[in-house]
């Protein structure tokens, strides 16, 4: 697993969403092929959660939607990541944000985490 990829996962899982975005974006810039779209979906998830944490509900909803459109292409497992669970968590965040007008960033128990199933 690439160091930037792993670093982004660690940052994401510690709710450092801006930093995860930066790590994955650096990796995304130098990537081609199917991995590029996958990384973009992760980046958009981190951006959505960053927006959510700052109360930007429209921005969060937009990024959650864009992220889901990409991540569903990589179900159920990609690069050792449980993408089935991640997309379910992102859908739940989007639903909560749309319905309540309240971003999940205000409740750490509702934030998704990236689970690695295979090393």
PDB file of N, CA and C in Angstrom:
ATOM      1  N   UNK A   1       0.855  -1.174   0.000  1.00  0.00           N
ATOM      2  CA  UNK A   1       0.000   0.000   0.000  1.00  0.00           C
ATOM      3  C   UNK A   1       0.901   1.238   0.000  1.00  0.00           C
ATOM      4  N   UNK A   2       0.617   2.150  -0.893  1.00  0.00           N
ATOM      5  CA  UNK A   2       1.390   3.378  -1.030  1.00  0.00           C
ATOM      6  C   UNK A   2       1.372   4.181   0.275  1.00  0.00           C
ATOM      7  N   UNK A   3       2.494   4.826   0.584  1.00  0.00           N
ATOM      8  CA  UNK A   3       2.602   5.596   1.825  1.00  0.00           C
ATOM      9  C   UNK A   3       1.576   6.731   1.903  1.00  0.00           C
ATOM     10  N   UNK A   4       1.360   7.440   0.786  1.00  0.00           N
ATOM     11  CA  UNK A   4       0.380   8.530   0.790  1.00  0.00           C
ATOM     12  C   UNK A   4      -1.040   7.996   0.972  1.00  0.00           C
ATOM     13  N   UNK A   5      -1.306   6.841   0.386  1.00  0.00           N
ATOM     14  CA  UNK A   5      -2.619   6.215   0.522  1.00  0.00           C
ATOM     15  C   UNK A   5      -2.873   5.861   1.991  1.00  0.00           C
ATOM     16  N   UNK A   6      -1.908   5.220   2.597  1.00  0.00           N
ATOM     17  CA  UNK A   6      -2.012   4.827   4.010  1.00  0.00           C
ATOM     18  C   UNK A   6      -2.103   6.062   4.918  1.00  0.00           C
ATOM     19  N   UNK A   7      -1.296   7.078   4.619  1.00  0.00           N
ATOM     20  CA  UNK A   7      -1.324   8.312   5.407  1.00  0.00           C
ATOM     21  C   UNK A   7      -2.711   8.952   5.336  1.00  0.00           C
ATOM     22  N   UNK A   8      -3.292   9.004   4.140  1.00  0.00           N
ATOM     23  CA  UNK A   8      -4.629   9.564   3.974  1.00  0.00           C
ATOM     24  C   UNK A   8      -5.675   8.794   4.769  1.00  0.00           C
ATOM     25  N   UNK A   9      -5.557   7.466   4.802  1.00  0.00           N
ATOM     26  CA  UNK A   9      -6.487   6.639   5.577  1.00  0.00           C
ATOM     27  C   UNK A   9      -6.365   6.967   7.061  1.00  0.00           C
ATOM     28  N   UNK A  10      -5.133   7.051   7.542  1.00  0.00           N
ATOM     29  CA  UNK A  10      -4.916   7.378   8.960  1.00  0.00           C
ATOM     30  C   UNK A  10      -5.481   8.754   9.302  1.00  0.00           C
ATOM     31  N   UNK A  11      -5.263   9.711   8.432  1.00  0.00           N
ATOM     32  CA  UNK A  11      -5.786  11.062   8.662  1.00  0.00           C
ATOM     33  C   UNK A  11      -7.312  11.058   8.644  1.00  0.00           C
ATOM     34  N   UNK A  12      -7.884  10.374   7.676  1.00  0.00           N
ATOM     35  CA  UNK A  12      -9.341  10.281   7.574  1.00  0.00           C
ATOM     36  C   UNK A  12      -9.933   9.663   8.836  1.00  0.00           C
ATOM     37  N   UNK A  13      -9.340   8.572   9.274  1.00  0.00           N
ATOM     38  CA  UNK A  13      -9.869   7.850  10.436  1.00  0.00           C
ATOM     39  C   UNK A  13      -9.673   8.591  11.751  1.00  0.00           C
ATOM     40  N   UNK A  14      -8.822   9.609  11.760  1.00  0.00           N
ATOM     41  CA  UNK A  14      -8.673  10.451  12.947  1.00  0.00           C
ATOM     42  C   UNK A  14      -9.386  11.791  12.742  1.00  0.00           C
ATOM     43  N   UNK A  15     -10.252  11.832  11.746  1.00  0.00           N
ATOM     44  CA  UNK A  15     -11.105  12.979  11.431  1.00  0.00           C
ATOM     45  C   UNK A  15     -10.322  14.219  11.030  1.00  0.00           C
ATOM     46  N   UNK A  16      -9.158  13.994  10.448  1.00  0.00           N
ATOM     47  CA  UNK A  16      -8.361  15.085   9.875  1.00  0.00           C
ATOM     48  C   UNK A  16      -8.663  15.107   8.374  1.00  0.00           C
ATOM     49  N   UNK A  17      -9.869  15.545   8.034  1.00  0.00           N
ATOM     50  CA  UNK A  17     -10.366  15.399   6.670  1.00  0.00           C
ATOM     51  C   UNK A  17      -9.641  16.286   5.672  1.00  0.00           C
ATOM     52  N   UNK A  18      -9.283  17.490   6.064  1.00  0.00           N
ATOM     53  CA  UNK A  18      -8.544  18.369   5.163  1.00  0.00           C
ATOM     54  C   UNK A  18      -7.189  17.759   4.824  1.00  0.00           C
ATOM     55  N   UNK A  19      -6.531  17.221   5.835  1.00  0.00           N
ATOM     56  CA  UNK A  19      -5.220  16.604   5.637  1.00  0.00           C
ATOM     57  C   UNK A  19      -5.330  15.339   4.779  1.00  0.00           C
ATOM     58  N   UNK A  20      -6.376  14.532   5.010  1.00  0.00           N
ATOM     59  CA  UNK A  20      -6.585  13.335   4.181  1.00  0.00           C
ATOM     60  C   UNK A  20      -6.773  13.737   2.728  1.00  0.00           C
ATOM     61  N   UNK A  21      -7.553  14.772   2.512  1.00  0.00           N
ATOM     62  CA  UNK A  21      -7.755  15.297   1.159  1.00  0.00           C
ATOM     63  C   UNK A  21      -6.412  15.646   0.525  1.00  0.00           C
ATOM     64  N   UNK A  22      -5.565  16.346   1.262  1.00  0.00           N
ATOM     65  CA  UNK A  22      -4.259  16.742   0.724  1.00  0.00           C
ATOM     66  C   UNK A  22      -3.387  15.537   0.377  1.00  0.00           C
ATOM     67  N   UNK A  23      -3.344  14.550   1.261  1.00  0.00           N
ATOM     68  CA  UNK A  23      -2.522  13.356   1.012  1.00  0.00           C
ATOM     69  C   UNK A  23      -3.004  12.613  -0.217  1.00  0.00           C
ATOM     70  N   UNK A  24      -4.297  12.400  -0.297  1.00  0.00           N
ATOM     71  CA  UNK A  24      -4.841  11.655  -1.444  1.00  0.00           C
ATOM     72  C   UNK A  24      -4.754  12.459  -2.732  1.00  0.00           C
ATOM     73  N   UNK A  25      -4.881  13.771  -2.637  1.00  0.00           N
ATOM     74  CA  UNK A  25      -4.789  14.574  -3.852  1.00  0.00           C
ATOM     75  C   UNK A  25      -3.388  14.498  -4.445  1.00  0.00           C
ATOM     76  N   UNK A  26      -2.393  14.500  -3.592  1.00  0.00           N
ATOM     77  CA  UNK A  26      -1.013  14.354  -4.080  1.00  0.00           C
ATOM     78  C   UNK A  26      -0.852  13.018  -4.813  1.00  0.00           C
ATOM     79  N   UNK A  27      -1.398  11.974  -4.254  1.00  0.00           N
ATOM     80  CA  UNK A  27      -1.365  10.650  -4.875  1.00  0.00           C
ATOM     81  C   UNK A  27      -2.176  10.646  -6.169  1.00  0.00           C
ATOM     82  N   UNK A  28      -3.357  11.251  -6.137  1.00  0.00           N
ATOM     83  CA  UNK A  28      -4.253  11.306  -7.296  1.00  0.00           C
ATOM     84  C   UNK A  28      -3.578  11.970  -8.494  1.00  0.00           C
ATOM     85  N   UNK A  29      -2.849  13.036  -8.236  1.00  0.00           N
ATOM     86  CA  UNK A  29      -2.191  13.770  -9.329  1.00  0.00           C
ATOM     87  C   UNK A  29      -1.218  12.910 -10.120  1.00  0.00           C
ATOM     88  N   UNK A  30      -0.584  11.966  -9.446  1.00  0.00           N
ATOM     89  CA  UNK A  30       0.429  11.144 -10.130  1.00  0.00           C
ATOM     90  C   UNK A  30      -0.095   9.771 -10.561  1.00  0.00           C
ATOM     91  N   UNK A  31      -1.417   9.596 -10.510  1.00  0.00           N
ATOM     92  CA  UNK A  31      -2.018   8.295 -10.798  1.00  0.00           C
ATOM     93  C   UNK A  31      -2.804   8.327 -12.100  1.00  0.00           C
ATOM     94  N   UNK A  32      -2.770   7.204 -12.801  1.00  0.00           N
ATOM     95  CA  UNK A  32      -3.596   7.020 -14.003  1.00  0.00           C
ATOM     96  C   UNK A  32      -4.395   5.733 -13.834  1.00  0.00           C
ATOM     97  N   UNK A  33      -5.297   5.496 -14.764  1.00  0.00           N
ATOM     98  CA  UNK A  33      -6.067   4.255 -14.741  1.00  0.00           C
ATOM     99  C   UNK A  33      -7.182   4.281 -13.713  1.00  0.00           C
ATOM    100  N   UNK A  34      -7.705   3.090 -13.369  1.00  0.00           N
ATOM    101  CA  UNK A  34      -8.870   3.001 -12.495  1.00  0.00           C
ATOM    102  C   UNK A  34      -8.626   3.532 -11.079  1.00  0.00           C
ATOM    103  N   UNK A  35      -7.395   3.505 -10.626  1.00  0.00           N
ATOM    104  CA  UNK A  35      -7.100   4.017  -9.287  1.00  0.00           C
ATOM    105  C   UNK A  35      -7.399   5.514  -9.177  1.00  0.00           C
ATOM    106  N   UNK A  36      -7.215   6.219 -10.261  1.00  0.00           N
ATOM    107  CA  UNK A  36      -7.407   7.681 -10.242  1.00  0.00           C
ATOM    108  C   UNK A  36      -8.833   8.052  -9.820  1.00  0.00           C
ATOM    109  N   UNK A  37      -9.826   7.403 -10.393  1.00  0.00           N
ATOM    110  CA  UNK A  37     -11.223   7.684 -10.061  1.00  0.00           C
ATOM    111  C   UNK A  37     -11.541   7.257  -8.620  1.00  0.00           C
ATOM    112  N   UNK A  38     -10.950   6.161  -8.187  1.00  0.00           N
ATOM    113  CA  UNK A  38     -11.134   5.693  -6.820  1.00  0.00           C
ATOM    114  C   UNK A  38     -10.598   6.725  -5.824  1.00  0.00           C
ATOM    115  N   UNK A  39      -9.384   7.201  -6.069  1.00  0.00           N
ATOM    116  CA  UNK A  39      -8.798   8.213  -5.193  1.00  0.00           C
ATOM    117  C   UNK A  39      -9.647   9.481  -5.185  1.00  0.00           C
ATOM    118  N   UNK A  40     -10.177   9.832  -6.336  1.00  0.00           N
ATOM    119  CA  UNK A  40     -11.022  11.017  -6.402  1.00  0.00           C
ATOM    120  C   UNK A  40     -12.275  10.842  -5.536  1.00  0.00           C
ATOM    121  N   UNK A  41     -12.851   9.653  -5.528  1.00  0.00           N
ATOM    122  CA  UNK A  41     -13.999   9.388  -4.664  1.00  0.00           C
ATOM    123  C   UNK A  41     -13.648   9.521  -3.193  1.00  0.00           C
ATOM    124  N   UNK A  42     -12.471   9.055  -2.811  1.00  0.00           N
ATOM    125  CA  UNK A  42     -12.024   9.216  -1.418  1.00  0.00           C
ATOM    126  C   UNK A  42     -11.804  10.688  -1.085  1.00  0.00           C
ATOM    127  N   UNK A  43     -11.192  11.407  -2.007  1.00  0.00           N
ATOM    128  CA  UNK A  43     -10.956  12.841  -1.814  1.00  0.00           C
ATOM    129  C   UNK A  43     -12.285  13.560  -1.616  1.00  0.00           C
ATOM    130  N   UNK A  44     -13.258  13.258  -2.459  1.00  0.00           N
ATOM    131  CA  UNK A  44     -14.554  13.925  -2.352  1.00  0.00           C
ATOM    132  C   UNK A  44     -15.270  13.571  -1.048  1.00  0.00           C
ATOM    133  N   UNK A  45     -15.066  12.360  -0.557  1.00  0.00           N
ATOM    134  CA  UNK A  45     -15.641  11.981   0.737  1.00  0.00           C
ATOM    135  C   UNK A  45     -15.020  12.826   1.846  1.00  0.00           C
ATOM    136  N   UNK A  46     -13.706  12.972   1.817  1.00  0.00           N
ATOM    137  CA  UNK A  46     -13.026  13.787   2.825  1.00  0.00           C
ATOM    138  C   UNK A  46     -13.478  15.244   2.740  1.00  0.00           C
ATOM    139  N   UNK A  47     -13.622  15.759   1.531  1.00  0.00           N
ATOM    140  CA  UNK A  47     -14.069  17.145   1.349  1.00  0.00           C
ATOM    141  C   UNK A  47     -15.493  17.308   1.877  1.00  0.00           C
ATOM    142  N   UNK A  48     -16.354  16.334   1.609  1.00  0.00           N
ATOM    143  CA  UNK A  48     -17.735  16.387   2.098  1.00  0.00           C
ATOM    144  C   UNK A  48     -17.760  16.457   3.619  1.00  0.00           C
ATOM    145  N   UNK A  49     -16.951  15.637   4.248  1.00  0.00           N
ATOM    146  CA  UNK A  49     -16.918  15.628   5.718  1.00  0.00           C
ATOM    147  C   UNK A  49     -16.291  16.906   6.277  1.00  0.00           C
ATOM    148  N   UNK A  50     -15.349  17.450   5.570  1.00  0.00           N
ATOM    149  CA  UNK A  50     -14.771  18.738   5.970  1.00  0.00           C
ATOM    150  C   UNK A  50     -15.850  19.826   5.915  1.00  0.00           C
ATOM    151  N   UNK A  51     -16.597  19.861   4.792  1.00  0.00           N
ATOM    152  CA  UNK A  51     -17.698  20.821   4.667  1.00  0.00           C
ATOM    153  C   UNK A  51     -18.731  20.595   5.768  1.00  0.00           C
ATOM    154  N   UNK A  52     -19.052  19.344   6.010  1.00  0.00           N
ATOM    155  CA  UNK A  52     -20.045  19.013   7.034  1.00  0.00           C
ATOM    156  C   UNK A  52     -19.617  19.539   8.396  1.00  0.00           C
ATOM    157  N   UNK A  53     -18.359  19.362   8.705  1.00  0.00           N
ATOM    158  CA  UNK A  53     -17.840  19.825   9.987  1.00  0.00           C
ATOM    159  C   UNK A  53     -17.859  21.332  10.140  1.00  0.00           C
ATOM    160  N   UNK A  54     -17.893  22.022   9.006  1.00  0.00           N
ATOM    161  CA  UNK A  54     -17.935  23.486   9.024  1.00  0.00           C
ATOM    162  C   UNK A  54     -19.343  24.030   8.788  1.00  0.00           C
ATOM    163  N   UNK A  55     -20.343  23.130   8.780  1.00  0.00           N
ATOM    164  CA  UNK A  55     -21.731  23.561   8.624  1.00  0.00           C
ATOM    165  C   UNK A  55     -22.140  23.916   7.215  1.00  0.00           C
ATOM    166  N   UNK A  56     -21.325  23.563   6.229  1.00  0.00           N
ATOM    167  CA  UNK A  56     -21.652  23.849   4.831  1.00  0.00           C
ATOM    168  C   UNK A  56     -22.477  22.676   4.284  1.00  0.00           C
ATOM    169  N   UNK A  57     -23.769  22.683   4.570  1.00  0.00           N
ATOM    170  CA  UNK A  57     -24.650  21.582   4.194  1.00  0.00           C
ATOM    171  C   UNK A  57     -24.734  21.403   2.676  1.00  0.00           C
ATOM    172  N   UNK A  58     -24.955  22.471   1.872  1.00  0.00           N
ATOM    173  CA  UNK A  58     -25.015  22.259   0.415  1.00  0.00           C
ATOM    174  C   UNK A  58     -23.713  21.694  -0.153  1.00  0.00           C
ATOM    175  N   UNK A  59     -22.581  22.201   0.332  1.00  0.00           N
ATOM    176  CA  UNK A  59     -21.284  21.701  -0.137  1.00  0.00           C
ATOM    177  C   UNK A  59     -21.074  20.250   0.245  1.00  0.00           C
ATOM    178  N   UNK A  60     -21.465  19.896   1.460  1.00  0.00           N
ATOM    179  CA  UNK A  60     -21.331  18.509   1.925  1.00  0.00           C
ATOM    180  C   UNK A  60     -22.192  17.580   1.077  1.00  0.00           C
ATOM    181  N   UNK A  61     -23.443  17.953   0.850  1.00  0.00           N
ATOM    182  CA  UNK A  61     -24.344  17.107   0.056  1.00  0.00           C
ATOM    183  C   UNK A  61     -23.812  16.905  -1.358  1.00  0.00           C
ATOM    184  N   UNK A  62     -23.324  17.979  -1.954  1.00  0.00           N
ATOM    185  CA  UNK A  62     -22.785  17.900  -3.313  1.00  0.00           C
ATOM    186  C   UNK A  62     -21.595  16.940  -3.374  1.00  0.00           C
ATOM    187  N   UNK A  63     -20.687  17.058  -2.432  1.00  0.00           N
ATOM    188  CA  UNK A  63     -19.504  16.202  -2.439  1.00  0.00           C
ATOM    189  C   UNK A  63     -19.829  14.750  -2.071  1.00  0.00           C
ATOM    190  N   UNK A  64     -20.755  14.534  -1.130  1.00  0.00           N
ATOM    191  CA  UNK A  64     -21.173  13.159  -0.824  1.00  0.00           C
ATOM    192  C   UNK A  64     -21.728  12.493  -2.079  1.00  0.00           C
ATOM    193  N   UNK A  65     -22.561  13.214  -2.823  1.00  0.00           N
ATOM    194  CA  UNK A  65     -23.182  12.671  -4.033  1.00  0.00           C
ATOM    195  C   UNK A  65     -22.129  12.330  -5.087  1.00  0.00           C
ATOM    196  N   UNK A  66     -21.186  13.222  -5.305  1.00  0.00           N
ATOM    197  CA  UNK A  66     -20.109  12.981  -6.281  1.00  0.00           C
ATOM    198  C   UNK A  66     -19.246  11.796  -5.851  1.00  0.00           C
ATOM    199  N   UNK A  67     -18.942  11.725  -4.555  1.00  0.00           N
ATOM    200  CA  UNK A  67     -18.108  10.630  -4.048  1.00  0.00           C
ATOM    201  C   UNK A  67     -18.798   9.284  -4.246  1.00  0.00           C
ATOM    202  N   UNK A  68     -20.086   9.220  -3.933  1.00  0.00           N
ATOM    203  CA  UNK A  68     -20.822   7.959  -4.073  1.00  0.00           C
ATOM    204  C   UNK A  68     -20.846   7.476  -5.518  1.00  0.00           C
ATOM    205  N   UNK A  69     -21.023   8.402  -6.455  1.00  0.00           N
ATOM    206  CA  UNK A  69     -21.061   8.033  -7.877  1.00  0.00           C
ATOM    207  C   UNK A  69     -19.772   7.336  -8.305  1.00  0.00           C
ATOM    208  N   UNK A  70     -18.672   7.681  -7.674  1.00  0.00           N
ATOM    209  CA  UNK A  70     -17.391   7.056  -8.005  1.00  0.00           C
ATOM    210  C   UNK A  70     -17.151   5.784  -7.188  1.00  0.00           C
ATOM    211  N   UNK A  71     -17.373   5.862  -5.895  1.00  0.00           N
ATOM    212  CA  UNK A  71     -17.035   4.738  -5.021  1.00  0.00           C
ATOM    213  C   UNK A  71     -17.871   3.490  -5.298  1.00  0.00           C
ATOM    214  N   UNK A  72     -19.097   3.650  -5.763  1.00  0.00           N
ATOM    215  CA  UNK A  72     -19.918   2.459  -6.055  1.00  0.00           C
ATOM    216  C   UNK A  72     -19.335   1.628  -7.193  1.00  0.00           C
ATOM    217  N   UNK A  73     -18.451   2.203  -7.953  1.00  0.00           N
ATOM    218  CA  UNK A  73     -17.803   1.462  -9.046  1.00  0.00           C
ATOM    219  C   UNK A  73     -16.753   0.476  -8.529  1.00  0.00           C
ATOM    220  N   UNK A  74     -16.445   0.558  -7.244  1.00  0.00           N
ATOM    221  CA  UNK A  74     -15.359  -0.231  -6.657  1.00  0.00           C
ATOM    222  C   UNK A  74     -15.844  -1.159  -5.545  1.00  0.00           C
ATOM    223  N   UNK A  75     -17.109  -1.534  -5.598  1.00  0.00           N
ATOM    224  CA  UNK A  75     -17.682  -2.441  -4.597  1.00  0.00           C
ATOM    225  C   UNK A  75     -17.283  -3.880  -4.872  1.00  0.00           C
ATOM    226  N   UNK A  76     -17.204  -4.712  -3.896  1.00  0.00           N
ATOM    227  CA  UNK A  76     -17.386  -4.478  -2.470  1.00  0.00           C
ATOM    228  C   UNK A  76     -16.071  -4.211  -1.741  1.00  0.00           C
ATOM    229  N   UNK A  77     -14.961  -4.404  -2.445  1.00  0.00           N
ATOM    230  CA  UNK A  77     -13.641  -4.303  -1.828  1.00  0.00           C
ATOM    231  C   UNK A  77     -12.670  -3.794  -2.880  1.00  0.00           C
ATOM    232  N   UNK A  78     -11.860  -2.817  -2.517  1.00  0.00           N
ATOM    233  CA  UNK A  78     -10.875  -2.301  -3.465  1.00  0.00           C
ATOM    234  C   UNK A  78      -9.646  -1.867  -2.691  1.00  0.00           C
ATOM    235  N   UNK A  79      -8.506  -2.331  -3.134  1.00  0.00           N
ATOM    236  CA  UNK A  79      -7.232  -2.058  -2.455  1.00  0.00           C
ATOM    237  C   UNK A  79      -7.318  -2.340  -0.954  1.00  0.00           C
ATOM    238  N   UNK A  80      -8.034  -3.381  -0.617  1.00  0.00           N
ATOM    239  CA  UNK A  80      -8.151  -3.789   0.772  1.00  0.00           C
ATOM    240  C   UNK A  80      -9.167  -3.009   1.585  1.00  0.00           C
ATOM    241  N   UNK A  81      -9.795  -2.024   0.985  1.00  0.00           N
ATOM    242  CA  UNK A  81     -10.776  -1.195   1.692  1.00  0.00           C
ATOM    243  C   UNK A  81     -12.167  -1.790   1.520  1.00  0.00           C
ATOM    244  N   UNK A  82     -12.882  -1.849   2.628  1.00  0.00           N
ATOM    245  CA  UNK A  82     -14.272  -2.304   2.627  1.00  0.00           C
ATOM    246  C   UNK A  82     -15.125  -1.185   2.029  1.00  0.00           C
ATOM    247  N   UNK A  83     -15.195  -1.161   0.706  1.00  0.00           N
ATOM    248  CA  UNK A  83     -15.930  -0.100   0.022  1.00  0.00           C
ATOM    249  C   UNK A  83     -17.439  -0.263   0.178  1.00  0.00           C
ATOM    250  N   UNK A  84     -17.900  -1.471   0.416  1.00  0.00           N
ATOM    251  CA  UNK A  84     -19.327  -1.680   0.657  1.00  0.00           C
ATOM    252  C   UNK A  84     -19.755  -0.938   1.926  1.00  0.00           C
ATOM    253  N   UNK A  85     -18.998  -1.104   2.971  1.00  0.00           N
ATOM    254  CA  UNK A  85     -19.308  -0.412   4.233  1.00  0.00           C
ATOM    255  C   UNK A  85     -19.108   1.089   4.094  1.00  0.00           C
ATOM    256  N   UNK A  86     -18.036   1.498   3.433  1.00  0.00           N
ATOM    257  CA  UNK A  86     -17.766   2.927   3.271  1.00  0.00           C
ATOM    258  C   UNK A  86     -18.891   3.606   2.509  1.00  0.00           C
ATOM    259  N   UNK A  87     -19.342   3.012   1.404  1.00  0.00           N
ATOM    260  CA  UNK A  87     -20.423   3.647   0.642  1.00  0.00           C
ATOM    261  C   UNK A  87     -21.719   3.683   1.450  1.00  0.00           C
ATOM    262  N   UNK A  88     -21.966   2.658   2.241  1.00  0.00           N
ATOM    263  CA  UNK A  88     -23.138   2.673   3.121  1.00  0.00           C
ATOM    264  C   UNK A  88     -23.055   3.801   4.132  1.00  0.00           C
ATOM    265  N   UNK A  89     -21.867   3.991   4.703  1.00  0.00           N
ATOM    266  CA  UNK A  89     -21.663   5.074   5.667  1.00  0.00           C
ATOM    267  C   UNK A  89     -21.829   6.447   5.003  1.00  0.00           C
ATOM    268  N   UNK A  90     -21.312   6.584   3.789  1.00  0.00           N
ATOM    269  CA  UNK A  90     -21.419   7.858   3.079  1.00  0.00           C
ATOM    270  C   UNK A  90     -22.883   8.135   2.731  1.00  0.00           C
ATOM    271  N   UNK A  91     -23.605   7.098   2.309  1.00  0.00           N
ATOM    272  CA  UNK A  91     -25.045   7.267   2.040  1.00  0.00           C
ATOM    273  C   UNK A  91     -25.788   7.737   3.296  1.00  0.00           C
ATOM    274  N   UNK A  92     -25.449   7.142   4.429  1.00  0.00           N
ATOM    275  CA  UNK A  92     -26.091   7.534   5.692  1.00  0.00           C
ATOM    276  C   UNK A  92     -25.774   8.996   6.024  1.00  0.00           C
ATOM    277  N   UNK A  93     -24.534   9.416   5.811  1.00  0.00           N
ATOM    278  CA  UNK A  93     -24.161  10.810   6.052  1.00  0.00           C
ATOM    279  C   UNK A  93     -24.942  11.749   5.130  1.00  0.00           C
ATOM    280  N   UNK A  94     -25.053  11.366   3.872  1.00  0.00           N
ATOM    281  CA  UNK A  94     -25.798  12.184   2.919  1.00  0.00           C
ATOM    282  C   UNK A  94     -27.260  12.289   3.347  1.00  0.00           C
ATOM    283  N   UNK A  95     -27.855  11.165   3.685  1.00  0.00           N
ATOM    284  CA  UNK A  95     -29.267  11.148   4.101  1.00  0.00           C
ATOM    285  C   UNK A  95     -29.483  12.033   5.336  1.00  0.00           C
ATOM    286  N   UNK A  96     -28.628  11.884   6.335  1.00  0.00           N
ATOM    287  CA  UNK A  96     -28.741  12.710   7.541  1.00  0.00           C
ATOM    288  C   UNK A  96     -28.605  14.195   7.226  1.00  0.00           C
ATOM    289  N   UNK A  97     -27.678  14.498   6.367  1.00  0.00           N
ATOM    290  CA  UNK A  97     -27.428  15.890   6.009  1.00  0.00           C
ATOM    291  C   UNK A  97     -28.611  16.469   5.247  1.00  0.00           C
ATOM    292  N   UNK A  98     -29.144  15.705   4.291  1.00  0.00           N
ATOM    293  CA  UNK A  98     -30.290  16.178   3.508  1.00  0.00           C
ATOM    294  C   UNK A  98     -31.547  16.306   4.359  1.00  0.00           C
ATOM    295  N   UNK A  99     -31.823  15.300   5.164  1.00  0.00           N
ATOM    296  CA  UNK A  99     -33.076  15.266   5.917  1.00  0.00           C
ATOM    297  C   UNK A  99     -33.089  16.250   7.078  1.00  0.00           C
ATOM    298  N   UNK A 100     -32.040  16.282   7.810  1.00  0.00           N
ATOM    299  CA  UNK A 100     -32.026  17.108   9.015  1.00  0.00           C
ATOM    300  C   UNK A 100     -31.450  18.492   8.754  1.00  0.00           C
ATOM    301  N   UNK A 101     -30.798  18.644   7.604  1.00  0.00           N
ATOM    302  CA  UNK A 101     -30.108  19.896   7.364  1.00  0.00           C
ATOM    303  C   UNK A 101     -28.984  20.084   8.363  1.00  0.00           C
ATOM    304  N   UNK A 102     -28.575  18.958   8.937  1.00  0.00           N
ATOM    305  CA  UNK A 102     -27.567  18.974   9.985  1.00  0.00           C
ATOM    306  C   UNK A 102     -26.438  18.048   9.550  1.00  0.00           C
ATOM    307  N   UNK A 103     -25.281  18.605   9.383  1.00  0.00           N
ATOM    308  CA  UNK A 103     -24.155  17.820   8.902  1.00  0.00           C
ATOM    309  C   UNK A 103     -23.697  16.826   9.956  1.00  0.00           C
ATOM    310  N   UNK A 104     -23.348  15.592   9.543  1.00  0.00           N
ATOM    311  CA  UNK A 104     -22.907  14.581  10.498  1.00  0.00           C
ATOM    312  C   UNK A 104     -21.617  14.924  11.205  1.00  0.00           C
ATOM    313  N   UNK A 105     -20.925  15.934  10.734  1.00  0.00           N
ATOM    314  CA  UNK A 105     -19.686  16.353  11.370  1.00  0.00           C
ATOM    315  C   UNK A 105     -19.875  16.808  12.804  1.00  0.00           C
ATOM    316  N   UNK A 106     -21.119  17.098  13.171  1.00  0.00           N
ATOM    317  CA  UNK A 106     -21.379  17.531  14.538  1.00  0.00           C
ATOM    318  C   UNK A 106     -21.488  16.357  15.508  1.00  0.00           C
ATOM    319  N   UNK A 107     -21.503  15.136  14.984  1.00  0.00           N
ATOM    320  CA  UNK A 107     -21.636  13.942  15.831  1.00  0.00           C
ATOM    321  C   UNK A 107     -20.580  12.927  15.413  1.00  0.00           C
ATOM    322  N   UNK A 108     -19.470  12.826  16.149  1.00  0.00           N
ATOM    323  CA  UNK A 108     -18.384  11.923  15.741  1.00  0.00           C
ATOM    324  C   UNK A 108     -18.802  10.457  15.652  1.00  0.00           C
ATOM    325  N   UNK A 109     -19.869  10.071  16.329  1.00  0.00           N
ATOM    326  CA  UNK A 109     -20.311   8.681  16.255  1.00  0.00           C
ATOM    327  C   UNK A 109     -20.921   8.346  14.899  1.00  0.00           C
ATOM    328  N   UNK A 110     -21.312   9.351  14.146  1.00  0.00           N
ATOM    329  CA  UNK A 110     -21.933   9.126  12.841  1.00  0.00           C
ATOM    330  C   UNK A 110     -20.939   9.239  11.691  1.00  0.00           C
ATOM    331  N   UNK A 111     -19.700   9.572  11.976  1.00  0.00           N
ATOM    332  CA  UNK A 111     -18.713   9.752  10.924  1.00  0.00           C
ATOM    333  C   UNK A 111     -18.197   8.411  10.418  1.00  0.00           C
ATOM    334  N   UNK A 112     -18.048   8.281   9.109  1.00  0.00           N
ATOM    335  CA  UNK A 112     -17.525   7.020   8.589  1.00  0.00           C
ATOM    336  C   UNK A 112     -16.037   6.860   8.883  1.00  0.00           C
ATOM    337  N   UNK A 113     -15.611   5.629   8.862  1.00  0.00           N
ATOM    338  CA  UNK A 113     -14.187   5.303   8.973  1.00  0.00           C
ATOM    339  C   UNK A 113     -13.855   4.346   7.842  1.00  0.00           C
ATOM    340  N   UNK A 114     -12.625   4.377   7.420  1.00  0.00           N
ATOM    341  CA  UNK A 114     -12.172   3.460   6.371  1.00  0.00           C
ATOM    342  C   UNK A 114     -11.634   2.217   7.041  1.00  0.00           C
ATOM    343  N   UNK A 115     -12.225   1.096   6.685  1.00  0.00           N
ATOM    344  CA  UNK A 115     -11.816  -0.186   7.255  1.00  0.00           C
ATOM    345  C   UNK A 115     -11.027  -0.972   6.228  1.00  0.00           C
ATOM    346  N   UNK A 116      -9.853  -1.411   6.643  1.00  0.00           N
ATOM    347  CA  UNK A 116      -9.000  -2.195   5.756  1.00  0.00           C
ATOM    348  C   UNK A 116      -9.233  -3.667   6.101  1.00  0.00           C
ATOM    349  N   UNK A 117      -9.641  -4.422   5.093  1.00  0.00           N
ATOM    350  CA  UNK A 117      -9.910  -5.842   5.279  1.00  0.00           C
ATOM    351  C   UNK A 117      -8.712  -6.697   4.886  1.00  0.00           C
ATOM    352  N   UNK A 118      -7.953  -6.236   3.916  1.00  0.00           N
ATOM    353  CA  UNK A 118      -6.783  -6.973   3.444  1.00  0.00           C
ATOM    354  C   UNK A 118      -5.591  -6.038   3.422  1.00  0.00           C
ATOM    355  N   UNK A 119      -4.477  -6.506   3.870  1.00  0.00           N
ATOM    356  CA  UNK A 119      -3.259  -5.683   3.859  1.00  0.00           C
ATOM    357  C   UNK A 119      -2.488  -5.893   2.578  1.00  0.00           C
TER     358      UNK A 119
END
